[in-house]
Amino acid sequence: MQTDIGLLLTPSLQGCDIRQGMPDDESQALEGEDIETAHWEDAHHWMSTYADLLQFKRRILDRVTRDLVKLEPVAQKAVQVDVAMIQSQMEGYERRLELWARRIRDLHGLWLDPTTRTIRYKDREATLTPREFELLQFLLDHPGRFFTVDQILTEAWSEASLFPEEVRNYVQRLRKLLEALEVPCYVVNRPGRGYSVEFQSKT
């Protein structure tokens, strides 16, 4: 299956139309998607596809941002319009990614109850502390994205006064909890990028 992942920009950003190939509806499903699929392999495939799409678009935006100051004012305005369209497309990709993340959780039998701060997986469950639950739910709600310690402190907990070491401590606690419940996902850490939750493929 061929998937349109967007248009590459030239280094100068001039003489190109970065709106080409964009769908009218940014949240529109790609060809071949079936959110009702019962196959884990399909769900993981689409999770990976949208994660790759987002990473590709972020690289484009990074390059555009670096080169934007080199353009004439008129060209800058034109590119800013195109950048806004790419950002809108990325928002659509993020919505699809979140849908597939929820589908994977359903297929894996993983449930989170915010009222009781309970995590259930198959016939096992555990009650989390408020910060444990907020961190796990935050990472699960943003599939395919990595968050630095500072981002977790301000976005997951809204407590920037906490020490960075506390984030690492809670990550270790979540890892032990997920392992004890035999949940097929784990908290990964990528140097320079931060933390994210990844599901294992069905074996």
Protein backbone atom coordinates (compact mmCIF):
# COMPACT_ATOMS: atom_id res chain seq x y z
CA MET A 1 0.00 0.00 0.00
CA GLN A 2 1.31 3.45 -0.89
CA THR A 3 0.88 6.22 1.65
CA ASP A 4 1.24 9.90 0.76
CA ILE A 5 3.46 11.40 3.43
CA GLY A 6 3.57 14.89 2.03
CA LEU A 7 5.81 17.02 -0.15
CA LEU A 8 9.53 17.52 0.42
CA LEU A 9 10.76 21.10 0.50
CA THR A 10 13.78 22.37 -1.32
CA PRO A 11 16.49 23.81 0.97
CA SER A 12 15.68 27.36 -0.13
CA LEU A 13 11.91 26.87 0.29
CA GLN A 14 11.45 28.91 -2.88
CA GLY A 15 9.67 27.76 -6.01
CA CYS A 16 7.76 24.98 -4.25
CA ASP A 17 4.17 24.46 -3.22
CA ILE A 18 4.06 22.69 0.12
CA ARG A 19 0.27 22.53 -0.02
CA GLN A 20 0.43 20.04 -2.87
CA GLY A 21 -0.84 16.60 -1.97
CA MET A 22 -2.62 17.70 1.21
CA PRO A 23 -6.11 16.23 1.76
CA ASP A 24 -9.02 18.64 2.13
CA ASP A 25 -9.85 17.05 5.47
CA GLU A 26 -6.75 16.76 7.64
CA SER A 27 -8.39 14.17 9.88
CA GLN A 28 -9.50 11.99 6.95
CA ALA A 29 -8.46 8.37 7.23
CA LEU A 30 -5.83 7.11 4.85
CA GLU A 31 -6.69 4.55 2.22
CA GLY A 32 -7.02 1.09 3.72
CA GLU A 33 -7.68 2.17 7.31
CA ASP A 34 -10.31 0.31 9.31
CA ILE A 35 -10.54 1.57 12.87
CA GLU A 36 -12.83 -1.36 13.71
CA THR A 37 -10.19 -3.93 12.85
CA ALA A 38 -9.78 -6.82 15.24
CA HIS A 39 -6.20 -7.44 14.16
CA TRP A 40 -3.42 -6.11 16.38
CA GLU A 41 -1.00 -6.09 13.47
CA ASP A 42 -3.20 -3.61 11.58
CA ALA A 43 -3.51 -1.32 14.58
CA HIS A 44 0.24 -1.31 15.16
CA HIS A 45 0.82 -0.66 11.47
CA TRP A 46 -1.36 2.46 11.47
CA MET A 47 0.13 3.67 14.74
CA SER A 48 3.56 3.41 13.16
CA THR A 49 2.36 5.07 9.95
CA TYR A 50 0.95 8.14 11.68
CA ALA A 51 3.94 8.41 13.99
CA ASP A 52 6.20 8.43 10.91
CA LEU A 53 4.01 11.02 9.22
CA LEU A 54 4.21 13.32 12.21
CA GLN A 55 7.95 12.92 12.52
CA PHE A 56 8.36 13.71 8.83
CA LYS A 57 6.23 16.85 9.10
CA ARG A 58 8.08 18.01 12.21
CA ARG A 59 11.37 17.78 10.34
CA ILE A 60 9.89 19.90 7.54
CA LEU A 61 8.67 22.53 9.99
CA ASP A 62 12.04 22.62 11.73
CA ARG A 63 13.75 23.25 8.41
CA VAL A 64 11.18 25.86 7.39
CA THR A 65 11.64 27.69 10.68
CA ARG A 66 15.40 27.78 10.26
CA ASP A 67 15.22 29.08 6.68
CA LEU A 68 12.27 31.44 7.07
CA VAL A 69 14.41 34.39 8.20
CA LYS A 70 16.45 34.15 4.98
CA LEU A 71 13.43 34.94 2.80
CA GLU A 72 12.06 38.28 1.67
CA PRO A 73 9.03 39.58 3.66
CA VAL A 74 6.58 38.72 0.88
CA ALA A 75 7.94 35.18 0.63
CA GLN A 76 7.84 34.85 4.42
CA LYS A 77 4.12 35.61 4.47
CA ALA A 78 3.44 33.04 1.77
CA VAL A 79 5.44 30.37 3.57
CA GLN A 80 3.73 31.16 6.89
CA VAL A 81 0.37 30.38 5.27
CA ASP A 82 1.73 27.05 4.05
CA VAL A 83 3.21 26.32 7.49
CA ALA A 84 -0.20 26.86 9.06
CA MET A 85 -1.67 24.33 6.61
CA ILE A 86 1.00 21.77 7.47
CA GLN A 87 0.33 22.32 11.18
CA SER A 88 -3.36 21.77 10.55
CA GLN A 89 -2.56 18.54 8.70
CA MET A 90 -0.39 17.43 11.62
CA GLU A 91 -3.30 18.01 13.99
CA GLY A 92 -5.34 15.64 11.84
CA TYR A 93 -2.58 13.05 11.98
CA GLU A 94 -2.45 13.41 15.77
CA ARG A 95 -6.18 12.79 16.03
CA ARG A 96 -5.86 9.63 13.94
CA LEU A 97 -2.90 8.53 16.03
CA GLU A 98 -4.91 8.99 19.21
CA LEU A 99 -7.80 6.97 17.75
CA TRP A 100 -5.46 4.11 16.90
CA ALA A 101 -3.86 4.32 20.35
CA ARG A 102 -7.26 3.85 21.96
CA ARG A 103 -8.00 0.99 19.57
CA ILE A 104 -4.76 -0.73 20.53
CA ARG A 105 -5.62 -0.35 24.20
CA ASP A 106 -9.01 -1.93 23.52
CA LEU A 107 -7.44 -4.80 21.62
CA HIS A 108 -4.92 -5.36 24.38
CA GLY A 109 -7.66 -5.25 27.03
CA LEU A 110 -6.09 -2.31 28.86
CA TRP A 111 -8.41 -0.02 30.81
CA LEU A 112 -7.79 3.04 32.97
CA ASP A 113 -10.39 4.28 35.44
CA PRO A 114 -9.69 7.91 36.40
CA THR A 115 -12.29 7.86 39.18
CA THR A 116 -10.55 5.13 41.17
CA ARG A 117 -7.11 5.61 39.56
CA THR A 118 -7.20 1.92 38.65
CA ILE A 119 -5.43 0.20 35.79
CA ARG A 120 -6.91 -3.08 34.59
CA TYR A 121 -5.35 -5.57 32.24
CA LYS A 122 -7.18 -8.84 31.62
CA ASP A 123 -7.79 -10.33 35.08
CA ARG A 124 -5.24 -8.13 36.85
CA GLU A 125 -5.57 -4.65 38.26
CA ALA A 126 -3.78 -2.17 40.48
CA THR A 127 -4.49 1.19 42.05
CA LEU A 128 -2.06 4.00 41.27
CA THR A 129 -1.11 7.10 43.18
CA PRO A 130 -2.42 10.38 41.69
CA ARG A 131 0.90 11.23 40.07
CA GLU A 132 1.45 7.69 38.78
CA PHE A 133 -1.98 7.68 37.18
CA GLU A 134 -1.61 11.17 35.70
CA LEU A 135 1.76 10.29 34.19
CA LEU A 136 0.58 7.00 32.68
CA GLN A 137 -2.61 8.49 31.30
CA PHE A 138 -0.70 11.46 29.89
CA LEU A 139 1.75 9.24 28.03
CA LEU A 140 -1.00 6.92 26.77
CA ASP A 141 -3.04 9.91 25.57
CA HIS A 142 -0.11 11.14 23.47
CA PRO A 143 1.02 8.07 21.54
CA GLY A 144 4.14 8.27 19.47
CA ARG A 145 5.31 11.45 21.19
CA PHE A 146 8.27 11.89 23.48
CA PHE A 147 8.24 14.28 26.42
CA THR A 148 11.19 15.74 28.27
CA VAL A 149 11.32 15.89 32.05
CA ASP A 150 10.41 19.58 31.99
CA GLN A 151 7.43 18.92 29.70
CA ILE A 152 6.16 16.18 32.00
CA LEU A 153 6.47 18.43 35.02
CA THR A 154 4.45 21.22 33.39
CA GLU A 155 2.04 19.26 31.15
CA ALA A 156 1.38 15.98 32.95
CA TRP A 157 1.43 17.30 36.51
CA SER A 158 1.48 21.10 36.18
CA GLU A 159 3.98 21.16 39.03
CA ALA A 160 7.16 22.73 37.71
CA SER A 161 8.44 23.08 41.27
CA LEU A 162 9.07 19.33 41.52
CA PHE A 163 12.58 18.04 41.01
CA PRO A 164 13.50 16.32 37.72
CA GLU A 165 14.62 13.27 39.68
CA GLU A 166 11.02 12.76 40.79
CA VAL A 167 9.99 12.19 37.18
CA ARG A 168 12.59 9.47 36.81
CA ASN A 169 11.43 7.88 40.06
CA TYR A 170 7.82 7.77 38.88
CA VAL A 171 8.88 6.37 35.52
CA GLN A 172 10.67 3.54 37.30
CA ARG A 173 7.58 2.86 39.40
CA LEU A 174 5.39 2.73 36.29
CA ARG A 175 7.78 0.34 34.59
CA LYS A 176 7.64 -2.02 37.56
CA LEU A 177 3.85 -1.76 37.71
CA LEU A 178 3.38 -2.50 34.01
CA GLU A 179 5.78 -5.42 34.26
CA ALA A 180 4.00 -6.82 37.33
CA LEU A 181 0.63 -6.65 35.53
CA GLU A 182 2.24 -8.10 32.39
CA VAL A 183 0.85 -5.24 30.31
CA PRO A 184 2.37 -5.45 26.80
CA CYS A 185 3.70 -1.90 26.85
CA TYR A 186 6.65 -0.16 28.39
CA VAL A 187 7.95 3.35 29.10
CA VAL A 188 10.92 4.06 26.87
CA ASN A 189 13.51 6.80 27.15
CA ARG A 190 15.31 8.29 24.17
CA PRO A 191 18.30 10.56 24.93
CA GLY A 192 17.53 14.10 23.89
CA ARG A 193 13.85 13.33 23.26
CA GLY A 194 12.41 12.14 26.57
CA TYR A 195 9.86 9.51 27.58
CA SER A 196 7.09 7.74 25.68
CA VAL A 197 4.91 4.64 26.00
CA GLU A 198 5.24 1.96 23.34
CA PHE A 199 3.13 -1.17 22.91
CA GLN A 200 4.65 -4.47 22.00
CA SER A 201 3.42 -6.15 18.86
CA LYS A 202 1.37 -9.29 19.26
CA THR A 203 3.52 -12.39 19.35
